[in-house]
Amino acid sequence: MAVPKPLFKDKNVAVAVGVALFLGGSFCLYDAWERRGGKTPLVARWATWW
């Protein structure tokens, strides 16, 4: 079985994109629960620390 090529050629670009997507996703989860007056579920609290 062939090993697939990496999505990004540069490791630093891959890390930057990963961090940006994580922060964006965390903000969306925060918006979904905390900004609407609900409590964040225990499973998602680690991603919405603010």
N, C-alpha and C. Protein backbone atom coordinates (compact mmCIF):
# COMPACT_ATOMS: atom_id res chain seq x y z
N MET A 1 0.85 -1.18 0.00
CA MET A 1 0.00 0.00 0.00
C MET A 1 0.89 1.24 0.00
N ALA A 2 0.59 2.18 -0.85
CA ALA A 2 1.40 3.39 -0.99
C ALA A 2 1.08 4.38 0.13
N VAL A 3 2.10 5.08 0.56
CA VAL A 3 1.94 6.11 1.58
C VAL A 3 1.46 7.39 0.90
N PRO A 4 0.36 7.98 1.38
CA PRO A 4 -0.16 9.19 0.73
C PRO A 4 0.79 10.38 0.95
N LYS A 5 0.78 11.29 -0.02
CA LYS A 5 1.60 12.50 0.11
C LYS A 5 1.00 13.42 1.16
N PRO A 6 1.85 14.16 1.88
CA PRO A 6 1.33 15.10 2.87
C PRO A 6 0.49 16.21 2.22
N LEU A 7 -0.46 16.70 2.97
CA LEU A 7 -1.32 17.76 2.46
C LEU A 7 -0.54 19.07 2.30
N PHE A 8 0.38 19.35 3.23
CA PHE A 8 1.21 20.55 3.19
C PHE A 8 2.67 20.13 3.06
N LYS A 9 3.42 20.83 2.23
CA LYS A 9 4.84 20.49 2.06
C LYS A 9 5.66 20.95 3.25
N ASP A 10 5.32 22.09 3.82
CA ASP A 10 6.08 22.65 4.93
C ASP A 10 5.41 22.30 6.26
N LYS A 11 6.20 21.83 7.20
CA LYS A 11 5.68 21.44 8.51
C LYS A 11 5.11 22.65 9.27
N ASN A 12 5.76 23.80 9.16
CA ASN A 12 5.30 24.99 9.87
C ASN A 12 3.94 25.47 9.36
N VAL A 13 3.71 25.33 8.08
CA VAL A 13 2.41 25.70 7.51
C VAL A 13 1.33 24.76 8.04
N ALA A 14 1.65 23.47 8.11
CA ALA A 14 0.69 22.50 8.63
C ALA A 14 0.34 22.79 10.08
N VAL A 15 1.33 23.15 10.89
CA VAL A 15 1.08 23.48 12.29
C VAL A 15 0.24 24.76 12.40
N ALA A 16 0.56 25.77 11.61
CA ALA A 16 -0.20 27.03 11.65
C ALA A 16 -1.65 26.81 11.24
N VAL A 17 -1.88 26.02 10.20
CA VAL A 17 -3.24 25.74 9.76
C VAL A 17 -3.99 24.95 10.83
N GLY A 18 -3.33 24.00 11.46
CA GLY A 18 -3.95 23.21 12.53
C GLY A 18 -4.35 24.07 13.72
N VAL A 19 -3.48 24.97 14.13
CA VAL A 19 -3.79 25.86 15.25
C VAL A 19 -4.93 26.79 14.89
N ALA A 20 -4.91 27.33 13.68
CA ALA A 20 -5.98 28.24 13.25
C ALA A 20 -7.33 27.51 13.22
N LEU A 21 -7.34 26.29 12.71
CA LEU A 21 -8.60 25.54 12.67
C LEU A 21 -9.08 25.17 14.07
N PHE A 22 -8.15 24.85 14.96
CA PHE A 22 -8.53 24.54 16.34
C PHE A 22 -9.14 25.76 17.03
N LEU A 23 -8.52 26.92 16.86
CA LEU A 23 -9.05 28.14 17.48
C LEU A 23 -10.41 28.51 16.89
N GLY A 24 -10.55 28.36 15.58
CA GLY A 24 -11.84 28.64 14.94
C GLY A 24 -12.92 27.69 15.43
N GLY A 25 -12.60 26.43 15.54
CA GLY A 25 -13.56 25.45 16.05
C GLY A 25 -13.92 25.70 17.50
N SER A 26 -12.93 26.08 18.31
CA SER A 26 -13.20 26.39 19.71
C SER A 26 -14.15 27.58 19.83
N PHE A 27 -13.94 28.59 18.99
CA PHE A 27 -14.82 29.75 19.02
C PHE A 27 -16.24 29.37 18.62
N CYS A 28 -16.37 28.49 17.63
CA CYS A 28 -17.71 28.05 17.20
C CYS A 28 -18.41 27.28 18.31
N LEU A 29 -17.69 26.41 19.01
CA LEU A 29 -18.28 25.67 20.13
C LEU A 29 -18.69 26.61 21.25
N TYR A 30 -17.85 27.59 21.55
CA TYR A 30 -18.17 28.59 22.58
C TYR A 30 -19.43 29.35 22.19
N ASP A 31 -19.51 29.74 20.93
CA ASP A 31 -20.68 30.48 20.44
C ASP A 31 -21.94 29.61 20.51
N ALA A 32 -21.80 28.34 20.26
CA ALA A 32 -22.95 27.44 20.25
C ALA A 32 -23.57 27.27 21.63
N TRP A 33 -22.77 27.31 22.68
CA TRP A 33 -23.31 27.07 24.02
C TRP A 33 -23.27 28.29 24.93
N GLU A 34 -22.12 28.81 25.22
CA GLU A 34 -21.98 29.86 26.22
C GLU A 34 -22.66 31.17 25.81
N ARG A 35 -22.53 31.58 24.57
CA ARG A 35 -23.13 32.84 24.14
C ARG A 35 -24.65 32.76 24.05
N ARG A 36 -25.19 31.57 24.03
CA ARG A 36 -26.64 31.41 23.94
C ARG A 36 -27.25 31.08 25.29
N GLY A 37 -26.46 31.21 26.35
CA GLY A 37 -27.00 31.04 27.69
C GLY A 37 -26.98 29.62 28.22
N GLY A 38 -26.42 28.70 27.50
CA GLY A 38 -26.38 27.31 27.95
C GLY A 38 -25.03 26.98 28.57
N LYS A 39 -24.98 25.84 29.21
CA LYS A 39 -23.72 25.35 29.78
C LYS A 39 -23.05 24.46 28.75
N THR A 40 -21.74 24.62 28.62
CA THR A 40 -20.98 23.76 27.72
C THR A 40 -20.94 22.34 28.27
N PRO A 41 -21.23 21.34 27.45
CA PRO A 41 -21.16 19.96 27.92
C PRO A 41 -19.75 19.60 28.39
N LEU A 42 -19.66 18.70 29.31
CA LEU A 42 -18.39 18.31 29.91
C LEU A 42 -17.39 17.84 28.85
N VAL A 43 -17.86 17.17 27.84
CA VAL A 43 -16.96 16.63 26.82
C VAL A 43 -16.28 17.75 26.01
N ALA A 44 -16.92 18.89 25.87
CA ALA A 44 -16.37 19.97 25.04
C ALA A 44 -15.74 21.09 25.85
N ARG A 45 -15.69 20.98 27.16
CA ARG A 45 -15.14 22.08 27.97
C ARG A 45 -13.66 22.29 27.74
N TRP A 46 -12.92 21.25 27.41
CA TRP A 46 -11.48 21.40 27.20
C TRP A 46 -11.19 22.28 25.98
N ALA A 47 -12.11 22.34 25.04
CA ALA A 47 -11.88 23.12 23.82
C ALA A 47 -12.39 24.56 23.94
N THR A 48 -13.18 24.86 24.97
CA THR A 48 -13.71 26.22 25.14
C THR A 48 -13.28 26.74 26.50
N TRP A 49 -12.02 27.04 26.62
CA TRP A 49 -11.47 27.41 27.91
C TRP A 49 -11.75 28.85 28.32
N TRP A 50 -12.16 29.73 27.40
CA TRP A 50 -12.36 31.12 27.80
C TRP A 50 -13.73 31.37 28.28
